[in-house]
N, C-alpha and C. Protein backbone atom coordinates (compact mmCIF):
# COMPACT_ATOMS: atom_id res chain seq x y z
N MET A 1 -6.56 -82.15 -22.31
CA MET A 1 -6.57 -80.90 -23.04
C MET A 1 -7.71 -80.04 -22.50
N LYS A 2 -7.43 -78.79 -22.26
CA LYS A 2 -8.42 -77.86 -21.73
C LYS A 2 -9.40 -77.44 -22.81
N ARG A 3 -10.69 -77.50 -22.50
CA ARG A 3 -11.72 -77.08 -23.45
C ARG A 3 -11.85 -75.56 -23.41
N VAL A 4 -12.04 -74.96 -24.55
CA VAL A 4 -12.18 -73.52 -24.66
C VAL A 4 -13.63 -73.21 -25.03
N ASN A 5 -14.23 -72.32 -24.28
CA ASN A 5 -15.59 -71.89 -24.57
C ASN A 5 -15.53 -70.81 -25.65
N LEU A 6 -16.00 -71.10 -26.82
CA LEU A 6 -15.93 -70.17 -27.95
C LEU A 6 -17.10 -69.21 -28.01
N PHE A 7 -18.12 -69.42 -27.18
CA PHE A 7 -19.30 -68.56 -27.25
C PHE A 7 -18.96 -67.08 -27.05
N PRO A 8 -18.16 -66.69 -26.02
CA PRO A 8 -17.83 -65.27 -25.85
C PRO A 8 -17.09 -64.71 -27.06
N LEU A 9 -16.22 -65.49 -27.65
CA LEU A 9 -15.47 -65.04 -28.81
C LEU A 9 -16.40 -64.79 -29.99
N ILE A 10 -17.35 -65.69 -30.20
CA ILE A 10 -18.31 -65.54 -31.30
C ILE A 10 -19.16 -64.29 -31.09
N VAL A 11 -19.61 -64.07 -29.86
CA VAL A 11 -20.42 -62.89 -29.55
C VAL A 11 -19.62 -61.62 -29.82
N CYS A 12 -18.36 -61.61 -29.41
CA CYS A 12 -17.50 -60.44 -29.64
C CYS A 12 -17.34 -60.16 -31.13
N MET A 13 -17.11 -61.20 -31.90
CA MET A 13 -16.90 -61.03 -33.33
C MET A 13 -18.16 -60.49 -34.01
N ILE A 14 -19.31 -60.99 -33.59
CA ILE A 14 -20.56 -60.53 -34.19
C ILE A 14 -20.79 -59.06 -33.86
N LEU A 15 -20.54 -58.68 -32.60
CA LEU A 15 -20.74 -57.29 -32.21
C LEU A 15 -19.81 -56.34 -32.96
N LEU A 16 -18.55 -56.75 -33.12
CA LEU A 16 -17.60 -55.86 -33.77
C LEU A 16 -17.73 -55.83 -35.29
N LEU A 17 -18.37 -56.84 -35.86
CA LEU A 17 -18.60 -56.83 -37.31
C LEU A 17 -19.47 -55.65 -37.72
N GLY A 18 -20.38 -55.26 -36.85
CA GLY A 18 -21.27 -54.14 -37.14
C GLY A 18 -20.57 -52.81 -37.15
N CYS A 19 -19.32 -52.80 -36.75
CA CYS A 19 -18.57 -51.55 -36.66
C CYS A 19 -17.62 -51.34 -37.82
N GLN A 20 -17.72 -52.14 -38.83
CA GLN A 20 -16.81 -52.01 -39.96
C GLN A 20 -17.04 -50.67 -40.66
N LYS A 21 -16.03 -50.21 -41.37
CA LYS A 21 -16.07 -48.91 -42.03
C LYS A 21 -17.29 -48.77 -42.96
N ASN A 22 -17.72 -49.84 -43.57
CA ASN A 22 -18.85 -49.78 -44.49
C ASN A 22 -20.16 -50.09 -43.79
N GLU A 23 -20.19 -49.83 -42.46
CA GLU A 23 -21.40 -50.10 -41.70
C GLU A 23 -22.58 -49.32 -42.26
N THR A 24 -23.76 -49.80 -42.04
CA THR A 24 -24.95 -49.11 -42.49
C THR A 24 -25.42 -48.21 -41.36
N ASP A 25 -24.99 -46.98 -41.44
CA ASP A 25 -25.29 -46.02 -40.39
C ASP A 25 -26.78 -45.74 -40.30
N THR A 26 -27.47 -45.84 -41.40
CA THR A 26 -28.90 -45.54 -41.35
C THR A 26 -29.64 -46.55 -40.50
N ASP A 27 -29.23 -47.82 -40.53
CA ASP A 27 -29.87 -48.82 -39.69
C ASP A 27 -29.66 -48.50 -38.22
N MET A 28 -28.44 -48.12 -37.86
CA MET A 28 -28.16 -47.80 -36.46
C MET A 28 -28.87 -46.50 -36.07
N ALA A 29 -28.95 -45.56 -36.97
CA ALA A 29 -29.60 -44.29 -36.67
C ALA A 29 -31.09 -44.46 -36.43
N ASN A 30 -31.68 -45.49 -37.01
CA ASN A 30 -33.11 -45.71 -36.86
C ASN A 30 -33.48 -46.51 -35.62
N MET A 31 -32.49 -46.99 -34.88
CA MET A 31 -32.79 -47.73 -33.67
C MET A 31 -33.47 -46.81 -32.66
N ASP A 32 -34.40 -47.36 -31.87
CA ASP A 32 -35.15 -46.55 -30.92
C ASP A 32 -34.28 -45.89 -29.87
N ASN A 33 -33.23 -46.55 -29.42
CA ASN A 33 -32.43 -45.99 -28.35
C ASN A 33 -31.28 -45.12 -28.85
N THR A 34 -31.24 -44.82 -30.11
CA THR A 34 -30.19 -44.00 -30.68
C THR A 34 -30.74 -42.61 -30.97
N HIS A 35 -30.02 -41.62 -30.48
CA HIS A 35 -30.40 -40.24 -30.74
C HIS A 35 -29.31 -39.61 -31.58
N GLN A 36 -29.68 -39.09 -32.71
CA GLN A 36 -28.70 -38.41 -33.54
C GLN A 36 -28.53 -36.99 -33.04
N ILE A 37 -27.32 -36.53 -33.11
CA ILE A 37 -27.02 -35.16 -32.71
C ILE A 37 -26.83 -34.35 -33.97
N VAL A 38 -27.64 -33.33 -34.13
CA VAL A 38 -27.48 -32.44 -35.26
C VAL A 38 -27.02 -31.11 -34.66
N GLN A 39 -25.75 -30.85 -34.78
CA GLN A 39 -25.15 -29.71 -34.11
C GLN A 39 -24.28 -28.96 -35.09
N ILE A 40 -24.56 -27.69 -35.29
CA ILE A 40 -23.75 -26.88 -36.19
C ILE A 40 -22.43 -26.53 -35.53
N ASN A 41 -22.48 -26.13 -34.26
CA ASN A 41 -21.29 -25.74 -33.52
C ASN A 41 -21.05 -26.75 -32.40
N PRO A 42 -20.05 -27.63 -32.55
CA PRO A 42 -19.82 -28.65 -31.53
C PRO A 42 -19.40 -28.08 -30.18
N ASP A 43 -18.93 -26.81 -30.14
CA ASP A 43 -18.56 -26.20 -28.87
C ASP A 43 -19.78 -25.87 -28.03
N GLU A 44 -20.93 -25.79 -28.65
CA GLU A 44 -22.15 -25.45 -27.93
C GLU A 44 -23.08 -26.66 -27.79
N ILE A 45 -22.52 -27.84 -27.76
CA ILE A 45 -23.32 -29.05 -27.68
C ILE A 45 -24.05 -29.12 -26.33
N ASP A 46 -25.27 -29.52 -26.37
CA ASP A 46 -26.11 -29.66 -25.19
C ASP A 46 -25.70 -30.92 -24.44
N ILE A 47 -25.34 -30.79 -23.17
CA ILE A 47 -24.83 -31.94 -22.41
C ILE A 47 -25.88 -33.03 -22.23
N GLU A 48 -27.15 -32.66 -22.12
CA GLU A 48 -28.21 -33.67 -22.01
C GLU A 48 -28.27 -34.53 -23.27
N THR A 49 -28.04 -33.90 -24.39
CA THR A 49 -28.02 -34.64 -25.66
C THR A 49 -26.86 -35.63 -25.68
N LEU A 50 -25.71 -35.20 -25.18
CA LEU A 50 -24.56 -36.11 -25.11
C LEU A 50 -24.86 -37.30 -24.22
N TYR A 51 -25.52 -37.06 -23.09
CA TYR A 51 -25.85 -38.16 -22.18
C TYR A 51 -26.88 -39.12 -22.79
N SER A 52 -27.78 -38.59 -23.58
CA SER A 52 -28.85 -39.44 -24.13
C SER A 52 -28.42 -40.18 -25.40
N THR A 53 -27.27 -39.84 -25.94
CA THR A 53 -26.80 -40.47 -27.17
C THR A 53 -26.06 -41.76 -26.85
N THR A 54 -26.49 -42.85 -27.45
CA THR A 54 -25.86 -44.14 -27.20
C THR A 54 -24.97 -44.61 -28.34
N PHE A 55 -25.06 -43.94 -29.49
CA PHE A 55 -24.28 -44.35 -30.65
C PHE A 55 -24.11 -43.13 -31.54
N LEU A 56 -22.89 -42.82 -31.94
CA LEU A 56 -22.65 -41.66 -32.78
C LEU A 56 -22.97 -41.97 -34.24
N ALA A 57 -23.70 -41.07 -34.85
CA ALA A 57 -24.09 -41.18 -36.26
C ALA A 57 -23.09 -40.40 -37.12
N PRO A 58 -23.17 -40.52 -38.45
CA PRO A 58 -22.19 -39.87 -39.34
C PRO A 58 -22.00 -38.37 -39.10
N GLN A 59 -23.04 -37.66 -38.78
CA GLN A 59 -22.90 -36.22 -38.58
C GLN A 59 -22.31 -35.87 -37.22
N ASP A 60 -22.03 -36.86 -36.38
CA ASP A 60 -21.54 -36.63 -35.02
C ASP A 60 -20.02 -36.69 -34.90
N ASN A 61 -19.31 -36.72 -35.98
CA ASN A 61 -17.86 -36.89 -35.96
C ASN A 61 -17.15 -35.82 -35.12
N LYS A 62 -17.62 -34.58 -35.18
CA LYS A 62 -16.94 -33.48 -34.49
C LYS A 62 -17.15 -33.49 -32.98
N ILE A 63 -18.12 -34.23 -32.49
CA ILE A 63 -18.37 -34.24 -31.05
C ILE A 63 -17.94 -35.56 -30.40
N ALA A 64 -17.21 -36.39 -31.11
CA ALA A 64 -16.82 -37.70 -30.61
C ALA A 64 -16.04 -37.61 -29.30
N ALA A 65 -15.09 -36.69 -29.20
CA ALA A 65 -14.27 -36.57 -27.99
C ALA A 65 -15.12 -36.15 -26.79
N LYS A 66 -16.03 -35.21 -26.99
CA LYS A 66 -16.89 -34.78 -25.89
C LYS A 66 -17.83 -35.90 -25.46
N TRP A 67 -18.33 -36.65 -26.42
CA TRP A 67 -19.21 -37.77 -26.11
C TRP A 67 -18.45 -38.82 -25.30
N LEU A 68 -17.21 -39.11 -25.69
CA LEU A 68 -16.41 -40.08 -24.95
C LEU A 68 -16.12 -39.60 -23.53
N ALA A 69 -15.88 -38.30 -23.37
CA ALA A 69 -15.63 -37.75 -22.03
C ALA A 69 -16.84 -37.99 -21.12
N ILE A 70 -18.03 -37.87 -21.67
CA ILE A 70 -19.27 -38.11 -20.91
C ILE A 70 -19.45 -39.61 -20.66
N GLN A 71 -19.12 -40.43 -21.64
CA GLN A 71 -19.32 -41.88 -21.54
C GLN A 71 -18.26 -42.57 -20.68
N ASP A 72 -17.12 -41.94 -20.47
CA ASP A 72 -15.98 -42.60 -19.82
C ASP A 72 -16.30 -43.14 -18.43
N ASN A 73 -16.94 -42.36 -17.61
CA ASN A 73 -17.27 -42.81 -16.26
C ASN A 73 -18.76 -42.60 -16.04
N LYS A 74 -19.51 -43.68 -16.14
CA LYS A 74 -20.97 -43.60 -16.08
C LYS A 74 -21.48 -43.12 -14.72
N ALA A 75 -20.66 -43.27 -13.70
CA ALA A 75 -21.08 -42.89 -12.35
C ALA A 75 -21.01 -41.38 -12.10
N VAL A 76 -20.27 -40.66 -12.94
CA VAL A 76 -20.11 -39.22 -12.77
C VAL A 76 -21.06 -38.49 -13.71
N VAL A 77 -21.79 -37.52 -13.14
CA VAL A 77 -22.68 -36.69 -13.94
C VAL A 77 -22.10 -35.28 -13.97
N TYR A 78 -21.84 -34.80 -15.16
CA TYR A 78 -21.23 -33.48 -15.34
C TYR A 78 -22.29 -32.45 -15.71
N ASP A 79 -22.05 -31.20 -15.29
CA ASP A 79 -22.88 -30.08 -15.73
C ASP A 79 -22.39 -29.59 -17.09
N THR A 80 -21.09 -29.66 -17.28
CA THR A 80 -20.47 -29.31 -18.56
C THR A 80 -19.41 -30.37 -18.87
N VAL A 81 -19.07 -30.49 -20.12
CA VAL A 81 -18.06 -31.46 -20.52
C VAL A 81 -16.70 -30.98 -20.01
N PRO A 82 -15.99 -31.81 -19.26
CA PRO A 82 -14.66 -31.40 -18.79
C PRO A 82 -13.70 -31.24 -19.97
N SER A 83 -13.24 -30.01 -20.18
CA SER A 83 -12.44 -29.72 -21.37
C SER A 83 -11.11 -30.46 -21.37
N VAL A 84 -10.48 -30.63 -20.21
CA VAL A 84 -9.19 -31.34 -20.16
C VAL A 84 -9.39 -32.80 -20.59
N LEU A 85 -10.43 -33.42 -20.10
CA LEU A 85 -10.73 -34.81 -20.47
C LEU A 85 -11.07 -34.91 -21.96
N ALA A 86 -11.89 -33.99 -22.44
CA ALA A 86 -12.26 -34.00 -23.87
C ALA A 86 -11.03 -33.81 -24.74
N GLU A 87 -10.08 -32.97 -24.31
CA GLU A 87 -8.85 -32.76 -25.07
C GLU A 87 -8.01 -34.04 -25.13
N GLN A 88 -7.98 -34.79 -24.03
CA GLN A 88 -7.23 -36.05 -24.03
C GLN A 88 -7.85 -37.02 -25.04
N PHE A 89 -9.17 -37.11 -25.04
CA PHE A 89 -9.84 -37.98 -26.00
C PHE A 89 -9.59 -37.49 -27.42
N GLU A 90 -9.64 -36.19 -27.61
CA GLU A 90 -9.44 -35.62 -28.95
C GLU A 90 -8.06 -35.97 -29.49
N GLN A 91 -7.03 -35.90 -28.64
CA GLN A 91 -5.67 -36.23 -29.09
C GLN A 91 -5.58 -37.68 -29.57
N HIS A 92 -6.14 -38.59 -28.80
CA HIS A 92 -6.11 -40.00 -29.20
C HIS A 92 -6.95 -40.25 -30.44
N LEU A 93 -8.13 -39.63 -30.50
CA LEU A 93 -8.98 -39.80 -31.68
C LEU A 93 -8.32 -39.25 -32.93
N ASP A 94 -7.68 -38.09 -32.81
CA ASP A 94 -6.98 -37.51 -33.95
C ASP A 94 -5.90 -38.47 -34.48
N TYR A 95 -5.10 -38.99 -33.57
CA TYR A 95 -4.01 -39.89 -33.95
C TYR A 95 -4.56 -41.18 -34.57
N LEU A 96 -5.49 -41.82 -33.87
CA LEU A 96 -6.01 -43.10 -34.36
C LEU A 96 -6.80 -42.94 -35.65
N SER A 97 -7.54 -41.86 -35.77
CA SER A 97 -8.30 -41.60 -36.99
C SER A 97 -7.36 -41.46 -38.19
N LEU A 98 -6.28 -40.75 -37.99
CA LEU A 98 -5.29 -40.56 -39.05
C LEU A 98 -4.59 -41.88 -39.38
N GLN A 99 -4.21 -42.62 -38.37
CA GLN A 99 -3.48 -43.88 -38.58
C GLN A 99 -4.34 -44.94 -39.26
N PHE A 100 -5.58 -45.06 -38.83
CA PHE A 100 -6.45 -46.12 -39.36
C PHE A 100 -7.33 -45.64 -40.51
N LYS A 101 -7.28 -44.34 -40.79
CA LYS A 101 -8.09 -43.75 -41.86
C LYS A 101 -9.58 -44.05 -41.65
N GLU A 102 -10.03 -43.84 -40.40
CA GLU A 102 -11.43 -44.04 -40.03
C GLU A 102 -11.93 -42.77 -39.35
N ASP A 103 -13.23 -42.55 -39.44
CA ASP A 103 -13.83 -41.41 -38.76
C ASP A 103 -13.66 -41.55 -37.26
N LYS A 104 -13.54 -40.41 -36.60
CA LYS A 104 -13.41 -40.40 -35.14
C LYS A 104 -14.63 -41.06 -34.48
N ARG A 105 -15.79 -40.83 -35.03
CA ARG A 105 -17.00 -41.38 -34.43
C ARG A 105 -17.03 -42.91 -34.50
N ILE A 106 -16.45 -43.49 -35.55
CA ILE A 106 -16.39 -44.94 -35.66
C ILE A 106 -15.47 -45.50 -34.58
N ILE A 107 -14.33 -44.86 -34.40
CA ILE A 107 -13.40 -45.28 -33.34
C ILE A 107 -14.07 -45.12 -31.98
N ALA A 108 -14.74 -44.00 -31.77
CA ALA A 108 -15.42 -43.76 -30.49
C ALA A 108 -16.49 -44.82 -30.23
N ASN A 109 -17.31 -45.10 -31.23
CA ASN A 109 -18.35 -46.13 -31.08
C ASN A 109 -17.73 -47.49 -30.74
N ARG A 110 -16.65 -47.83 -31.42
CA ARG A 110 -15.99 -49.12 -31.20
C ARG A 110 -15.41 -49.23 -29.80
N VAL A 111 -14.83 -48.15 -29.32
CA VAL A 111 -14.23 -48.15 -27.99
C VAL A 111 -15.31 -48.34 -26.92
N VAL A 112 -16.45 -47.65 -27.08
CA VAL A 112 -17.54 -47.80 -26.12
C VAL A 112 -18.10 -49.22 -26.19
N GLN A 113 -18.27 -49.76 -27.38
CA GLN A 113 -18.76 -51.13 -27.52
C GLN A 113 -17.80 -52.13 -26.87
N THR A 114 -16.51 -51.91 -27.03
CA THR A 114 -15.51 -52.79 -26.44
C THR A 114 -15.61 -52.75 -24.92
N ARG A 115 -15.65 -51.55 -24.36
CA ARG A 115 -15.76 -51.40 -22.91
C ARG A 115 -17.04 -52.06 -22.39
N ASP A 116 -18.16 -51.79 -23.07
CA ASP A 116 -19.45 -52.34 -22.63
C ASP A 116 -19.48 -53.86 -22.73
N LEU A 117 -18.89 -54.41 -23.76
CA LEU A 117 -18.84 -55.86 -23.90
C LEU A 117 -18.00 -56.48 -22.79
N LEU A 118 -16.87 -55.89 -22.49
CA LEU A 118 -16.02 -56.40 -21.42
C LEU A 118 -16.73 -56.32 -20.07
N GLU A 119 -17.52 -55.29 -19.86
CA GLU A 119 -18.28 -55.17 -18.61
C GLU A 119 -19.23 -56.34 -18.42
N LYS A 120 -19.76 -56.86 -19.50
CA LYS A 120 -20.65 -58.02 -19.42
C LYS A 120 -19.92 -59.25 -18.89
N PHE A 121 -18.61 -59.26 -19.01
CA PHE A 121 -17.79 -60.35 -18.50
C PHE A 121 -17.08 -59.94 -17.20
N ASN A 122 -17.60 -58.87 -16.57
CA ASN A 122 -17.03 -58.34 -15.32
C ASN A 122 -15.58 -57.92 -15.47
N ILE A 123 -15.24 -57.38 -16.61
CA ILE A 123 -13.90 -56.84 -16.87
C ILE A 123 -14.04 -55.34 -17.01
N GLN A 124 -13.36 -54.60 -16.14
CA GLN A 124 -13.48 -53.15 -16.12
C GLN A 124 -12.28 -52.49 -16.80
N VAL A 125 -12.56 -51.49 -17.60
CA VAL A 125 -11.52 -50.67 -18.22
C VAL A 125 -12.17 -49.35 -18.61
N THR A 126 -11.44 -48.26 -18.44
CA THR A 126 -11.99 -46.96 -18.83
C THR A 126 -11.78 -46.75 -20.33
N LEU A 127 -12.58 -45.87 -20.88
CA LEU A 127 -12.44 -45.55 -22.30
C LEU A 127 -11.10 -44.89 -22.58
N LEU A 128 -10.66 -44.03 -21.67
CA LEU A 128 -9.38 -43.36 -21.88
C LEU A 128 -8.24 -44.37 -21.84
N ALA A 129 -8.30 -45.33 -20.92
CA ALA A 129 -7.27 -46.37 -20.87
C ALA A 129 -7.26 -47.20 -22.15
N LEU A 130 -8.45 -47.50 -22.68
CA LEU A 130 -8.53 -48.24 -23.94
C LEU A 130 -7.89 -47.45 -25.08
N LEU A 131 -8.24 -46.18 -25.20
CA LEU A 131 -7.67 -45.37 -26.28
C LEU A 131 -6.17 -45.20 -26.12
N GLU A 132 -5.72 -44.97 -24.90
CA GLU A 132 -4.27 -44.85 -24.67
C GLU A 132 -3.56 -46.15 -25.05
N GLY A 133 -4.15 -47.27 -24.66
CA GLY A 133 -3.56 -48.56 -25.00
C GLY A 133 -3.51 -48.80 -26.50
N MET A 134 -4.61 -48.47 -27.18
CA MET A 134 -4.65 -48.68 -28.64
C MET A 134 -3.67 -47.75 -29.35
N THR A 135 -3.49 -46.55 -28.82
CA THR A 135 -2.51 -45.63 -29.38
C THR A 135 -1.11 -46.20 -29.22
N THR A 136 -0.81 -46.73 -28.05
CA THR A 136 0.49 -47.35 -27.79
C THR A 136 0.73 -48.53 -28.74
N VAL A 137 -0.28 -49.36 -28.91
CA VAL A 137 -0.14 -50.52 -29.79
C VAL A 137 0.07 -50.06 -31.23
N ARG A 138 -0.67 -49.06 -31.66
CA ARG A 138 -0.53 -48.57 -33.04
C ARG A 138 0.87 -48.03 -33.29
N LYS A 139 1.42 -47.36 -32.29
CA LYS A 139 2.78 -46.82 -32.44
C LYS A 139 3.82 -47.92 -32.55
N SER A 140 3.48 -49.13 -32.13
CA SER A 140 4.40 -50.26 -32.27
C SER A 140 4.24 -50.95 -33.63
N HIS A 141 3.29 -50.46 -34.44
CA HIS A 141 3.07 -50.92 -35.81
C HIS A 141 2.48 -52.32 -35.91
N LEU A 142 1.60 -52.68 -34.98
CA LEU A 142 0.90 -53.95 -35.08
C LEU A 142 -0.02 -53.89 -36.31
N VAL A 143 0.02 -54.91 -37.12
CA VAL A 143 -0.79 -54.96 -38.34
C VAL A 143 -2.25 -55.17 -37.97
N GLY A 144 -3.13 -54.48 -38.67
CA GLY A 144 -4.56 -54.65 -38.48
C GLY A 144 -5.28 -53.32 -38.47
N ASN A 145 -6.61 -53.38 -38.50
CA ASN A 145 -7.40 -52.16 -38.41
C ASN A 145 -7.87 -51.99 -36.96
N PHE A 146 -8.57 -50.91 -36.68
CA PHE A 146 -8.96 -50.63 -35.30
C PHE A 146 -9.89 -51.70 -34.75
N GLY A 147 -10.77 -52.22 -35.57
CA GLY A 147 -11.65 -53.30 -35.14
C GLY A 147 -10.86 -54.55 -34.76
N ASP A 148 -9.79 -54.85 -35.52
CA ASP A 148 -8.92 -55.98 -35.19
C ASP A 148 -8.27 -55.78 -33.83
N TYR A 149 -7.81 -54.56 -33.59
CA TYR A 149 -7.18 -54.25 -32.30
C TYR A 149 -8.16 -54.49 -31.15
N CYS A 150 -9.39 -53.99 -31.31
CA CYS A 150 -10.39 -54.15 -30.26
C CYS A 150 -10.69 -55.62 -30.02
N GLN A 151 -10.83 -56.38 -31.09
CA GLN A 151 -11.12 -57.81 -30.96
C GLN A 151 -9.98 -58.54 -30.27
N PHE A 152 -8.77 -58.23 -30.65
CA PHE A 152 -7.59 -58.86 -30.05
C PHE A 152 -7.54 -58.52 -28.56
N TYR A 153 -7.80 -57.26 -28.22
CA TYR A 153 -7.80 -56.83 -26.82
C TYR A 153 -8.88 -57.58 -26.02
N ILE A 154 -10.07 -57.68 -26.58
CA ILE A 154 -11.16 -58.41 -25.90
C ILE A 154 -10.75 -59.85 -25.64
N ASN A 155 -10.19 -60.49 -26.65
CA ASN A 155 -9.76 -61.89 -26.49
C ASN A 155 -8.72 -62.03 -25.38
N LEU A 156 -7.76 -61.14 -25.36
CA LEU A 156 -6.72 -61.21 -24.33
C LEU A 156 -7.30 -60.98 -22.93
N ARG A 157 -8.20 -60.01 -22.83
CA ARG A 157 -8.79 -59.73 -21.51
C ARG A 157 -9.66 -60.89 -21.04
N GLN A 158 -10.35 -61.54 -21.95
CA GLN A 158 -11.18 -62.68 -21.58
C GLN A 158 -10.33 -63.89 -21.17
N HIS A 159 -9.09 -63.89 -21.58
CA HIS A 159 -8.18 -64.98 -21.21
C HIS A 159 -7.28 -64.55 -20.06
N GLN A 160 -7.85 -63.76 -19.17
CA GLN A 160 -7.24 -63.41 -17.88
C GLN A 160 -6.05 -62.46 -17.95
N HIS A 161 -5.81 -61.78 -19.05
CA HIS A 161 -4.75 -60.78 -19.09
C HIS A 161 -5.30 -59.47 -18.51
N GLN A 162 -4.50 -58.82 -17.68
CA GLN A 162 -4.86 -57.48 -17.21
C GLN A 162 -4.63 -56.50 -18.36
N HIS A 163 -5.10 -55.26 -18.19
CA HIS A 163 -5.01 -54.26 -19.26
C HIS A 163 -3.56 -54.10 -19.75
N ALA A 164 -2.64 -53.83 -18.83
CA ALA A 164 -1.25 -53.59 -19.22
C ALA A 164 -0.65 -54.82 -19.90
N GLN A 165 -0.99 -56.01 -19.41
CA GLN A 165 -0.49 -57.25 -20.02
C GLN A 165 -1.02 -57.42 -21.44
N ALA A 166 -2.29 -57.10 -21.63
CA ALA A 166 -2.89 -57.22 -22.96
C ALA A 166 -2.22 -56.28 -23.95
N ILE A 167 -1.98 -55.05 -23.52
CA ILE A 167 -1.33 -54.06 -24.40
C ILE A 167 0.09 -54.53 -24.73
N LYS A 168 0.83 -55.00 -23.75
CA LYS A 168 2.20 -55.48 -23.99
C LYS A 168 2.20 -56.70 -24.92
N LYS A 169 1.24 -57.58 -24.75
CA LYS A 169 1.14 -58.76 -25.62
C LYS A 169 0.88 -58.32 -27.07
N MET A 170 -0.02 -57.37 -27.24
CA MET A 170 -0.32 -56.87 -28.58
C MET A 170 0.93 -56.22 -29.19
N GLN A 171 1.63 -55.42 -28.40
CA GLN A 171 2.85 -54.77 -28.89
C GLN A 171 3.91 -55.80 -29.28
N SER A 172 4.00 -56.87 -28.52
CA SER A 172 5.04 -57.88 -28.77
C SER A 172 4.85 -58.57 -30.11
N LEU A 173 3.66 -58.51 -30.66
CA LEU A 173 3.37 -59.17 -31.93
C LEU A 173 3.48 -58.23 -33.13
N SER A 174 3.95 -57.01 -32.89
CA SER A 174 4.04 -56.05 -33.99
C SER A 174 5.20 -56.36 -34.92
N ILE A 175 5.12 -55.83 -36.11
CA ILE A 175 6.18 -56.01 -37.12
C ILE A 175 7.47 -55.39 -36.63
N ALA A 176 7.38 -54.23 -35.99
CA ALA A 176 8.59 -53.53 -35.52
C ALA A 176 9.37 -54.40 -34.55
N ASN A 177 8.68 -55.11 -33.67
CA ASN A 177 9.36 -55.97 -32.71
C ASN A 177 9.93 -57.22 -33.37
N LYS A 178 9.32 -57.70 -34.42
CA LYS A 178 9.81 -58.89 -35.11
C LYS A 178 11.07 -58.60 -35.93
N SER A 179 11.22 -57.34 -36.39
CA SER A 179 12.35 -57.01 -37.25
C SER A 179 13.61 -56.70 -36.45
N GLN A 180 13.49 -56.56 -35.12
CA GLN A 180 14.66 -56.29 -34.30
C GLN A 180 15.41 -57.59 -34.04
N PRO A 181 16.74 -57.53 -34.02
CA PRO A 181 17.55 -58.76 -33.81
C PRO A 181 17.41 -59.29 -32.40
């Protein structure tokens, strides 16, 4: 029988527990490496502030898509937030926020945490690919909250599934697929 190393799974679960809807935002806001963005008009957000922000706080809900656009590819430095990319993130955040009844910033934080955790295991995926995949899975009516989806995705990727395979596996377990003859 093959032995399974549970340490990565335990680490993933602990990291994602902090992202629950009832998370204590004040604790995260007080961390030294977290910069809160206080912005009245999200269209005039300072790009340096977006780059220096590592975790979105409660007042950052309106800038989640722009923050994700900046976070998506760490190797690219933008002078301004690419509006087409931000719009793509906004569409997915709007849909997932409505479906899961969670703030956009919580979904954005979770997606970045998922990507960053996978990178520690040398698994690469873009934030946009993650959001597109989670949107696809949600449309298939898989039971669970957004944190469950992220955890399931992490587990599948750690067990050698490629991105598309992981999304298809998640979709195959949805209620909609089980009710078909």
